[in-house]
PDB file of all heavy atoms in Angstrom:
ATOM      1  N   VAL A   1      29.776  25.281  78.788  1.00  0.00           N
ATOM      2  CA  VAL A   1      29.628  26.157  77.606  1.00  0.00           C
ATOM      3  C   VAL A   1      28.153  26.457  77.324  1.00  0.00           C
ATOM      4  O   VAL A   1      27.791  27.586  76.943  1.00  0.00           O
ATOM      5  CB  VAL A   1      30.327  25.563  76.383  1.00  0.00           C
ATOM      6  CG1 VAL A   1      31.843  25.441  76.621  1.00  0.00           C
ATOM      7  CG2 VAL A   1      29.753  24.233  75.971  1.00  0.00           C
ATOM      8  N   GLY A   2      27.284  25.466  77.561  1.00  0.00           N
ATOM      9  CA  GLY A   2      25.837  25.716  77.338  1.00  0.00           C
ATOM     10  C   GLY A   2      25.330  26.795  78.243  1.00  0.00           C
ATOM     11  O   GLY A   2      24.560  27.694  77.817  1.00  0.00           O
ATOM     12  N   TYR A   3      25.757  26.753  79.513  1.00  0.00           N
ATOM     13  CA  TYR A   3      25.327  27.769  80.462  1.00  0.00           C
ATOM     14  C   TYR A   3      25.792  29.161  80.059  1.00  0.00           C
ATOM     15  O   TYR A   3      25.032  30.144  80.171  1.00  0.00           O
ATOM     16  CB  TYR A   3      25.852  27.422  81.860  1.00  0.00           C
ATOM     17  CG  TYR A   3      25.586  28.494  82.901  1.00  0.00           C
ATOM     18  CD1 TYR A   3      24.368  28.533  83.593  1.00  0.00           C
ATOM     19  CD2 TYR A   3      26.529  29.524  83.169  1.00  0.00           C
ATOM     20  CE1 TYR A   3      24.104  29.504  84.537  1.00  0.00           C
ATOM     21  CE2 TYR A   3      26.240  30.496  84.081  1.00  0.00           C
ATOM     22  CZ  TYR A   3      25.038  30.520  84.785  1.00  0.00           C
ATOM     23  OH  TYR A   3      24.768  31.503  85.670  1.00  0.00           O
ATOM     24  N   GLN A   4      27.059  29.237  79.563  1.00  0.00           N
ATOM     25  CA  GLN A   4      27.563  30.526  79.210  1.00  0.00           C
ATOM     26  C   GLN A   4      26.899  31.138  77.959  1.00  0.00           C
ATOM     27  O   GLN A   4      26.654  32.351  77.888  1.00  0.00           O
ATOM     28  CB  GLN A   4      29.091  30.415  79.013  1.00  0.00           C
ATOM     29  CG  GLN A   4      29.808  30.116  80.334  1.00  0.00           C
ATOM     30  CD  GLN A   4      31.331  30.092  80.186  1.00  0.00           C
ATOM     31  OE1 GLN A   4      31.959  31.117  79.915  1.00  0.00           O
ATOM     32  NE2 GLN A   4      31.924  28.940  80.411  1.00  0.00           N
ATOM     33  N   ILE A   5      26.587  30.317  76.988  1.00  0.00           N
ATOM     34  CA  ILE A   5      25.846  30.786  75.827  1.00  0.00           C
ATOM     35  C   ILE A   5      24.475  31.208  76.216  1.00  0.00           C
ATOM     36  O   ILE A   5      23.947  32.242  75.823  1.00  0.00           O
ATOM     37  CB  ILE A   5      25.784  29.735  74.691  1.00  0.00           C
ATOM     38  CG1 ILE A   5      27.197  29.326  74.253  1.00  0.00           C
ATOM     39  CG2 ILE A   5      24.992  30.230  73.513  1.00  0.00           C
ATOM     40  CD1 ILE A   5      27.237  28.150  73.317  1.00  0.00           C
ATOM     41  N   GLU A   6      23.825  30.394  77.093  1.00  0.00           N
ATOM     42  CA  GLU A   6      22.472  30.713  77.538  1.00  0.00           C
ATOM     43  C   GLU A   6      22.415  31.968  78.408  1.00  0.00           C
ATOM     44  O   GLU A   6      21.458  32.750  78.327  1.00  0.00           O
ATOM     45  CB  GLU A   6      21.932  29.510  78.369  1.00  0.00           C
ATOM     46  CG  GLU A   6      20.467  29.626  78.691  1.00  0.00           C
ATOM     47  CD  GLU A   6      19.894  28.361  79.306  1.00  0.00           C
ATOM     48  OE1 GLU A   6      20.314  27.247  78.904  1.00  0.00           O
ATOM     49  OE2 GLU A   6      19.056  28.458  80.189  1.00  0.00           O
ATOM     50  N   GLU A   7      23.507  32.217  79.170  1.00  0.00           N
ATOM     51  CA  GLU A   7      23.581  33.398  79.987  1.00  0.00           C
ATOM     52  C   GLU A   7      23.563  34.654  79.124  1.00  0.00           C
ATOM     53  O   GLU A   7      22.895  35.657  79.445  1.00  0.00           O
ATOM     54  CB  GLU A   7      24.860  33.376  80.823  1.00  0.00           C
ATOM     55  CG  GLU A   7      24.937  34.472  81.850  1.00  0.00           C
ATOM     56  CD  GLU A   7      26.200  34.326  82.691  1.00  0.00           C
ATOM     57  OE1 GLU A   7      27.241  33.972  82.112  1.00  0.00           O
ATOM     58  OE2 GLU A   7      26.123  34.599  83.900  1.00  0.00           O
ATOM     59  N   ALA A   8      24.249  34.629  77.995  1.00  0.00           N
ATOM     60  CA  ALA A   8      24.243  35.759  77.039  1.00  0.00           C
ATOM     61  C   ALA A   8      22.834  36.006  76.512  1.00  0.00           C
ATOM     62  O   ALA A   8      22.378  37.168  76.373  1.00  0.00           O
ATOM     63  CB  ALA A   8      25.193  35.493  75.886  1.00  0.00           C
ATOM     64  N   LEU A   9      22.082  34.927  76.264  1.00  0.00           N
ATOM     65  CA  LEU A   9      20.726  35.049  75.717  1.00  0.00           C
ATOM     66  C   LEU A   9      19.810  35.608  76.805  1.00  0.00           C
ATOM     67  O   LEU A   9      18.991  36.482  76.565  1.00  0.00           O
ATOM     68  CB  LEU A   9      20.269  33.697  75.284  1.00  0.00           C
ATOM     69  CG  LEU A   9      18.966  33.589  74.499  1.00  0.00           C
ATOM     70  CD1 LEU A   9      19.024  34.419  73.207  1.00  0.00           C
ATOM     71  CD2 LEU A   9      18.603  32.168  74.186  1.00  0.00           C
ATOM     72  N   ALA A  10      19.920  35.083  78.067  1.00  0.00           N
ATOM     73  CA  ALA A  10      19.085  35.502  79.156  1.00  0.00           C
ATOM     74  C   ALA A  10      19.228  36.955  79.495  1.00  0.00           C
ATOM     75  O   ALA A  10      18.293  37.615  79.972  1.00  0.00           O
ATOM     76  CB  ALA A  10      19.334  34.639  80.390  1.00  0.00           C
ATOM     77  N   ALA A  11      20.431  37.534  79.225  1.00  0.00           N
ATOM     78  CA  ALA A  11      20.704  38.902  79.583  1.00  0.00           C
ATOM     79  C   ALA A  11      19.970  39.881  78.705  1.00  0.00           C
ATOM     80  O   ALA A  11      19.770  41.032  79.056  1.00  0.00           O
ATOM     81  CB  ALA A  11      22.215  39.171  79.505  1.00  0.00           C
ATOM     82  N   HIS A  12      19.523  39.423  77.520  1.00  0.00           N
ATOM     83  CA  HIS A  12      18.937  40.361  76.534  1.00  0.00           C
ATOM     84  C   HIS A  12      17.540  40.045  76.060  1.00  0.00           C
ATOM     85  O   HIS A  12      16.830  40.925  75.599  1.00  0.00           O
ATOM     86  CB  HIS A  12      19.894  40.448  75.312  1.00  0.00           C
ATOM     87  CG  HIS A  12      21.269  40.913  75.626  1.00  0.00           C
ATOM     88  ND1 HIS A  12      21.532  42.223  75.940  1.00  0.00           N
ATOM     89  CD2 HIS A  12      22.457  40.265  75.664  1.00  0.00           C
ATOM     90  CE1 HIS A  12      22.839  42.346  76.165  1.00  0.00           C
ATOM     91  NE2 HIS A  12      23.424  41.191  75.988  1.00  0.00           N
ATOM     92  N   ILE A  13      17.153  38.763  76.137  1.00  0.00           N
ATOM     93  CA  ILE A  13      15.852  38.387  75.549  1.00  0.00           C
ATOM     94  C   ILE A  13      15.029  37.623  76.589  1.00  0.00           C
ATOM     95  O   ILE A  13      15.526  36.692  77.216  1.00  0.00           O
ATOM     96  CB  ILE A  13      16.043  37.498  74.285  1.00  0.00           C
ATOM     97  CG1 ILE A  13      16.837  38.279  73.217  1.00  0.00           C
ATOM     98  CG2 ILE A  13      14.715  37.073  73.712  1.00  0.00           C
ATOM     99  CD1 ILE A  13      17.189  37.492  72.001  1.00  0.00           C
ATOM    100  N   SER A  14      13.747  37.997  76.698  1.00  0.00           N
ATOM    101  CA  SER A  14      12.888  37.322  77.673  1.00  0.00           C
ATOM    102  C   SER A  14      12.323  36.064  77.030  1.00  0.00           C
ATOM    103  O   SER A  14      11.576  36.082  76.040  1.00  0.00           O
ATOM    104  CB  SER A  14      11.697  38.279  78.026  1.00  0.00           C
ATOM    105  OG  SER A  14      10.817  37.634  78.913  1.00  0.00           O
ATOM    106  N   MET A  15      12.753  34.929  77.595  1.00  0.00           N
ATOM    107  CA  MET A  15      12.300  33.609  77.082  1.00  0.00           C
ATOM    108  C   MET A  15      12.177  32.647  78.227  1.00  0.00           C
ATOM    109  O   MET A  15      12.799  32.867  79.310  1.00  0.00           O
ATOM    110  CB  MET A  15      13.340  33.047  76.075  1.00  0.00           C
ATOM    111  CG  MET A  15      13.647  33.941  74.879  1.00  0.00           C
ATOM    112  SD  MET A  15      15.041  33.315  73.899  1.00  0.00           S
ATOM    113  CE  MET A  15      14.257  31.962  73.024  1.00  0.00           C
ATOM    114  N   SER A  16      11.458  31.625  78.085  1.00  0.00           N
ATOM    115  CA  SER A  16      11.390  30.566  79.072  1.00  0.00           C
ATOM    116  C   SER A  16      12.672  29.765  79.095  1.00  0.00           C
ATOM    117  O   SER A  16      13.470  29.812  78.116  1.00  0.00           O
ATOM    118  CB  SER A  16      10.221  29.633  78.837  1.00  0.00           C
ATOM    119  OG  SER A  16      10.435  28.834  77.690  1.00  0.00           O
ATOM    120  N   LYS A  17      12.954  28.978  80.140  1.00  0.00           N
ATOM    121  CA  LYS A  17      14.126  28.188  80.232  1.00  0.00           C
ATOM    122  C   LYS A  17      14.239  27.210  79.064  1.00  0.00           C
ATOM    123  O   LYS A  17      15.289  27.019  78.440  1.00  0.00           O
ATOM    124  CB  LYS A  17      14.167  27.417  81.584  1.00  0.00           C
ATOM    125  CG  LYS A  17      15.277  26.436  81.746  1.00  0.00           C
ATOM    126  CD  LYS A  17      16.597  27.129  81.947  1.00  0.00           C
ATOM    127  CE  LYS A  17      17.702  26.124  82.282  1.00  0.00           C
ATOM    128  NZ  LYS A  17      19.041  26.757  82.429  1.00  0.00           N
ATOM    129  N   ARG A  18      13.097  26.604  78.761  1.00  0.00           N
ATOM    130  CA  ARG A  18      13.042  25.622  77.646  1.00  0.00           C
ATOM    131  C   ARG A  18      13.354  26.283  76.296  1.00  0.00           C
ATOM    132  O   ARG A  18      14.116  25.766  75.474  1.00  0.00           O
ATOM    133  CB  ARG A  18      11.686  24.951  77.588  1.00  0.00           C
ATOM    134  CG  ARG A  18      11.551  23.948  76.403  1.00  0.00           C
ATOM    135  CD  ARG A  18      10.165  23.295  76.433  1.00  0.00           C
ATOM    136  NE  ARG A  18       9.997  22.443  77.603  1.00  0.00           N
ATOM    137  CZ  ARG A  18       8.914  21.696  77.834  1.00  0.00           C
ATOM    138  NH1 ARG A  18       7.908  21.735  76.996  1.00  0.00           N
ATOM    139  NH2 ARG A  18       8.857  20.930  78.862  1.00  0.00           N
ATOM    140  N   GLU A  19      12.771  27.481  76.095  1.00  0.00           N
ATOM    141  CA  GLU A  19      13.034  28.207  74.828  1.00  0.00           C
ATOM    142  C   GLU A  19      14.501  28.646  74.694  1.00  0.00           C
ATOM    143  O   GLU A  19      15.053  28.552  73.631  1.00  0.00           O
ATOM    144  CB  GLU A  19      12.107  29.453  74.752  1.00  0.00           C
ATOM    145  CG  GLU A  19      10.638  29.165  74.560  1.00  0.00           C
ATOM    146  CD  GLU A  19       9.783  30.367  74.681  1.00  0.00           C
ATOM    147  OE1 GLU A  19      10.148  31.277  75.483  1.00  0.00           O
ATOM    148  OE2 GLU A  19       8.722  30.422  74.037  1.00  0.00           O
ATOM    149  N   ARG A  20      15.079  29.029  75.805  1.00  0.00           N
ATOM    150  CA  ARG A  20      16.476  29.421  75.800  1.00  0.00           C
ATOM    151  C   ARG A  20      17.377  28.252  75.463  1.00  0.00           C
ATOM    152  O   ARG A  20      18.310  28.393  74.619  1.00  0.00           O
ATOM    153  CB  ARG A  20      16.916  30.028  77.162  1.00  0.00           C
ATOM    154  CG  ARG A  20      16.489  31.463  77.387  1.00  0.00           C
ATOM    155  CD  ARG A  20      17.341  32.137  78.443  1.00  0.00           C
ATOM    156  NE  ARG A  20      17.345  31.451  79.721  1.00  0.00           N
ATOM    157  CZ  ARG A  20      16.466  31.643  80.699  1.00  0.00           C
ATOM    158  NH1 ARG A  20      15.530  32.550  80.518  1.00  0.00           N
ATOM    159  NH2 ARG A  20      16.540  30.985  81.816  1.00  0.00           N
ATOM    160  N   LYS A  21      17.100  27.125  76.062  1.00  0.00           N
ATOM    161  CA  LYS A  21      17.961  25.968  75.792  1.00  0.00           C
ATOM    162  C   LYS A  21      17.857  25.532  74.313  1.00  0.00           C
ATOM    163  O   LYS A  21      18.852  25.212  73.676  1.00  0.00           O
ATOM    164  CB  LYS A  21      17.598  24.782  76.678  1.00  0.00           C
ATOM    165  CG  LYS A  21      18.551  23.568  76.461  1.00  0.00           C
ATOM    166  CD  LYS A  21      18.406  22.494  77.525  1.00  0.00           C
ATOM    167  CE  LYS A  21      19.424  21.388  77.245  1.00  0.00           C
ATOM    168  NZ  LYS A  21      19.316  20.328  78.273  1.00  0.00           N
ATOM    169  N   LYS A  22      16.648  25.606  73.768  1.00  0.00           N
ATOM    170  CA  LYS A  22      16.444  25.264  72.345  1.00  0.00           C
ATOM    171  C   LYS A  22      17.214  26.229  71.480  1.00  0.00           C
ATOM    172  O   LYS A  22      17.875  25.816  70.517  1.00  0.00           O
ATOM    173  CB  LYS A  22      14.977  25.255  71.995  1.00  0.00           C
ATOM    174  CG  LYS A  22      14.701  24.878  70.541  1.00  0.00           C
ATOM    175  CD  LYS A  22      13.234  24.938  70.162  1.00  0.00           C
ATOM    176  CE  LYS A  22      13.009  24.455  68.730  1.00  0.00           C
ATOM    177  NZ  LYS A  22      13.787  25.218  67.739  1.00  0.00           N
ATOM    178  N   ALA A  23      17.138  27.515  71.815  1.00  0.00           N
ATOM    179  CA  ALA A  23      17.863  28.527  71.003  1.00  0.00           C
ATOM    180  C   ALA A  23      19.348  28.320  71.094  1.00  0.00           C
ATOM    181  O   ALA A  23      20.063  28.461  70.108  1.00  0.00           O
ATOM    182  CB  ALA A  23      17.505  29.937  71.483  1.00  0.00           C
ATOM    183  N   VAL A  24      19.850  27.905  72.251  1.00  0.00           N
ATOM    184  CA  VAL A  24      21.298  27.693  72.441  1.00  0.00           C
ATOM    185  C   VAL A  24      21.701  26.459  71.614  1.00  0.00           C
ATOM    186  O   VAL A  24      22.728  26.477  70.934  1.00  0.00           O
ATOM    187  CB  VAL A  24      21.619  27.488  73.919  1.00  0.00           C
ATOM    188  CG1 VAL A  24      23.057  26.959  74.090  1.00  0.00           C
ATOM    189  CG2 VAL A  24      21.458  28.780  74.682  1.00  0.00           C
ATOM    190  N   LEU A  25      20.939  25.381  71.660  1.00  0.00           N
ATOM    191  CA  LEU A  25      21.284  24.197  70.911  1.00  0.00           C
ATOM    192  C   LEU A  25      21.252  24.500  69.386  1.00  0.00           C
ATOM    193  O   LEU A  25      22.058  23.979  68.615  1.00  0.00           O
ATOM    194  CB  LEU A  25      20.320  23.070  71.246  1.00  0.00           C
ATOM    195  CG  LEU A  25      20.446  22.515  72.681  1.00  0.00           C
ATOM    196  CD1 LEU A  25      19.371  21.452  72.911  1.00  0.00           C
ATOM    197  CD2 LEU A  25      21.850  21.896  72.913  1.00  0.00           C
ATOM    198  N   ASP A  26      20.285  25.365  68.992  1.00  0.00           N
ATOM    199  CA  ASP A  26      20.160  25.697  67.557  1.00  0.00           C
ATOM    200  C   ASP A  26      21.391  26.470  67.098  1.00  0.00           C
ATOM    201  O   ASP A  26      21.985  26.173  66.040  1.00  0.00           O
ATOM    202  CB  ASP A  26      18.935  26.565  67.326  1.00  0.00           C
ATOM    203  CG  ASP A  26      17.658  25.733  67.357  1.00  0.00           C
ATOM    204  OD1 ASP A  26      17.745  24.476  67.306  1.00  0.00           O
ATOM    205  OD2 ASP A  26      16.574  26.342  67.454  1.00  0.00           O
ATOM    206  N   ILE A  27      21.859  27.460  67.912  1.00  0.00           N
ATOM    207  CA  ILE A  27      23.035  28.254  67.504  1.00  0.00           C
ATOM    208  C   ILE A  27      24.293  27.422  67.562  1.00  0.00           C
ATOM    209  O   ILE A  27      25.211  27.543  66.742  1.00  0.00           O
ATOM    210  CB  ILE A  27      23.156  29.559  68.347  1.00  0.00           C
ATOM    211  CG1 ILE A  27      24.115  30.546  67.635  1.00  0.00           C
ATOM    212  CG2 ILE A  27      23.616  29.278  69.730  1.00  0.00           C
ATOM    213  CD1 ILE A  27      23.681  31.095  66.359  1.00  0.00           C
ATOM    214  N   MET A  28      24.346  26.480  68.537  1.00  0.00           N
ATOM    215  CA  MET A  28      25.531  25.561  68.583  1.00  0.00           C
ATOM    216  C   MET A  28      25.616  24.742  67.315  1.00  0.00           C
ATOM    217  O   MET A  28      26.745  24.511  66.771  1.00  0.00           O
ATOM    218  CB  MET A  28      25.414  24.701  69.854  1.00  0.00           C
ATOM    219  CG  MET A  28      25.654  25.450  71.137  1.00  0.00           C
ATOM    220  SD  MET A  28      25.401  24.409  72.606  1.00  0.00           S
ATOM    221  CE  MET A  28      26.892  23.377  72.556  1.00  0.00           C
ATOM    222  N   ALA A  29      24.466  24.290  66.842  1.00  0.00           N
ATOM    223  CA  ALA A  29      24.461  23.509  65.599  1.00  0.00           C
ATOM    224  C   ALA A  29      24.846  24.385  64.377  1.00  0.00           C
ATOM    225  O   ALA A  29      25.587  23.951  63.537  1.00  0.00           O
ATOM    226  CB  ALA A  29      23.081  22.884  65.360  1.00  0.00           C
ATOM    227  N   GLN A  30      24.348  25.639  64.394  1.00  0.00           N
ATOM    228  CA  GLN A  30      24.641  26.520  63.265  1.00  0.00           C
ATOM    229  C   GLN A  30      26.128  26.848  63.150  1.00  0.00           C
ATOM    230  O   GLN A  30      26.610  27.025  62.027  1.00  0.00           O
ATOM    231  CB  GLN A  30      23.876  27.837  63.450  1.00  0.00           C
ATOM    232  CG  GLN A  30      22.360  27.742  63.172  1.00  0.00           C
ATOM    233  CD  GLN A  30      21.652  29.070  63.372  1.00  0.00           C
ATOM    234  OE1 GLN A  30      22.148  30.111  62.962  1.00  0.00           O
ATOM    235  NE2 GLN A  30      20.517  29.020  64.011  1.00  0.00           N
ATOM    236  N   VAL A  31      26.829  26.928  64.267  1.00  0.00           N
ATOM    237  CA  VAL A  31      28.266  27.273  64.223  1.00  0.00           C
ATOM    238  C   VAL A  31      29.114  25.994  64.114  1.00  0.00           C
ATOM    239  O   VAL A  31      30.334  26.059  64.186  1.00  0.00           O
ATOM    240  CB  VAL A  31      28.708  28.076  65.426  1.00  0.00           C
ATOM    241  CG1 VAL A  31      27.927  29.403  65.514  1.00  0.00           C
ATOM    242  CG2 VAL A  31      28.608  27.285  66.746  1.00  0.00           C
ATOM    243  N   GLY A  32      28.465  24.866  63.869  1.00  0.00           N
ATOM    244  CA  GLY A  32      29.211  23.641  63.568  1.00  0.00           C
ATOM    245  C   GLY A  32      29.789  22.894  64.767  1.00  0.00           C
ATOM    246  O   GLY A  32      30.694  22.085  64.611  1.00  0.00           O
ATOM    247  N   LEU A  33      29.180  23.106  65.962  1.00  0.00           N
ATOM    248  CA  LEU A  33      29.581  22.332  67.114  1.00  0.00           C
ATOM    249  C   LEU A  33      28.952  20.954  67.035  1.00  0.00           C
ATOM    250  O   LEU A  33      27.724  20.851  66.943  1.00  0.00           O
ATOM    251  CB  LEU A  33      29.160  23.027  68.400  1.00  0.00           C
ATOM    252  CG  LEU A  33      30.043  24.247  68.804  1.00  0.00           C
ATOM    253  CD1 LEU A  33      29.306  25.110  69.821  1.00  0.00           C
ATOM    254  CD2 LEU A  33      31.391  23.807  69.357  1.00  0.00           C
ATOM    255  N   PRO A  34      29.742  19.882  67.037  1.00  0.00           N
ATOM    256  CA  PRO A  34      29.191  18.544  66.935  1.00  0.00           C
ATOM    257  C   PRO A  34      28.449  18.129  68.226  1.00  0.00           C
ATOM    258  O   PRO A  34      28.802  18.558  69.313  1.00  0.00           O
ATOM    259  CB  PRO A  34      30.404  17.652  66.716  1.00  0.00           C
ATOM    260  CG  PRO A  34      31.541  18.396  67.364  1.00  0.00           C
ATOM    261  CD  PRO A  34      31.196  19.857  67.196  1.00  0.00           C
ATOM    262  N   ARG A  35      27.387  17.364  68.073  1.00  0.00           N
ATOM    263  CA  ARG A  35      26.646  16.829  69.227  1.00  0.00           C
ATOM    264  C   ARG A  35      26.308  17.938  70.212  1.00  0.00           C
ATOM    265  O   ARG A  35      26.718  17.896  71.370  1.00  0.00           O
ATOM    266  CB  ARG A  35      27.381  15.704  69.920  1.00  0.00           C
ATOM    267  CG  ARG A  35      27.890  14.570  68.999  1.00  0.00           C
ATOM    268  CD  ARG A  35      28.614  13.505  69.799  1.00  0.00           C
ATOM    269  NE  ARG A  35      29.616  14.068  70.690  1.00  0.00           N
ATOM    270  CZ  ARG A  35      30.836  14.510  70.282  1.00  0.00           C
ATOM    271  NH1 ARG A  35      31.184  14.477  69.020  1.00  0.00           N
ATOM    272  NH2 ARG A  35      31.672  15.015  71.166  1.00  0.00           N
ATOM    273  N   PRO A  36      25.547  18.944  69.804  1.00  0.00           N
ATOM    274  CA  PRO A  36      25.265  20.070  70.725  1.00  0.00           C
ATOM    275  C   PRO A  36      24.722  19.654  72.084  1.00  0.00           C
ATOM    276  O   PRO A  36      25.070  20.229  73.093  1.00  0.00           O
ATOM    277  CB  PRO A  36      24.244  20.887  69.933  1.00  0.00           C
ATOM    278  CG  PRO A  36      24.534  20.596  68.500  1.00  0.00           C
ATOM    279  CD  PRO A  36      24.954  19.137  68.477  1.00  0.00           C
ATOM    280  N   SER A  37      23.848  18.644  72.113  1.00  0.00           N
ATOM    281  CA  SER A  37      23.263  18.225  73.398  1.00  0.00           C
ATOM    282  C   SER A  37      24.339  17.735  74.360  1.00  0.00           C
ATOM    283  O   SER A  37      24.185  17.918  75.565  1.00  0.00           O
ATOM    284  CB  SER A  37      22.233  17.133  73.148  1.00  0.00           C
ATOM    285  OG  SER A  37      21.157  17.610  72.368  1.00  0.00           O
ATOM    286  N   ASP A  38      25.361  17.079  73.820  1.00  0.00           N
ATOM    287  CA  ASP A  38      26.444  16.578  74.722  1.00  0.00           C
ATOM    288  C   ASP A  38      27.344  17.719  75.103  1.00  0.00           C
ATOM    289  O   ASP A  38      27.745  17.881  76.244  1.00  0.00           O
ATOM    290  CB  ASP A  38      27.246  15.478  73.986  1.00  0.00           C
ATOM    291  CG  ASP A  38      26.422  14.252  73.718  1.00  0.00           C
ATOM    292  OD1 ASP A  38      25.450  14.018  74.444  1.00  0.00           O
ATOM    293  OD2 ASP A  38      26.763  13.531  72.758  1.00  0.00           O
ATOM    294  N   LEU A  39      27.754  18.550  74.118  1.00  0.00           N
ATOM    295  CA  LEU A  39      28.661  19.673  74.412  1.00  0.00           C
ATOM    296  C   LEU A  39      28.036  20.748  75.305  1.00  0.00           C
ATOM    297  O   LEU A  39      28.749  21.494  75.974  1.00  0.00           O
ATOM    298  CB  LEU A  39      29.164  20.304  73.119  1.00  0.00           C
ATOM    299  CG  LEU A  39      30.127  19.479  72.272  1.00  0.00           C
ATOM    300  CD1 LEU A  39      30.639  20.260  71.088  1.00  0.00           C
ATOM    301  CD2 LEU A  39      31.271  18.946  73.095  1.00  0.00           C
TER     302      LEU A  39
END
């Protein structure tokens, strides 16, 4: 699921791999997904 959310981000916004993963973990937390790093 992390890859799929990150893929949506990579398709539209120019960011480094580290920035993308942070943005993905942030949005996962915002939508109430528990333990984003594990999920």
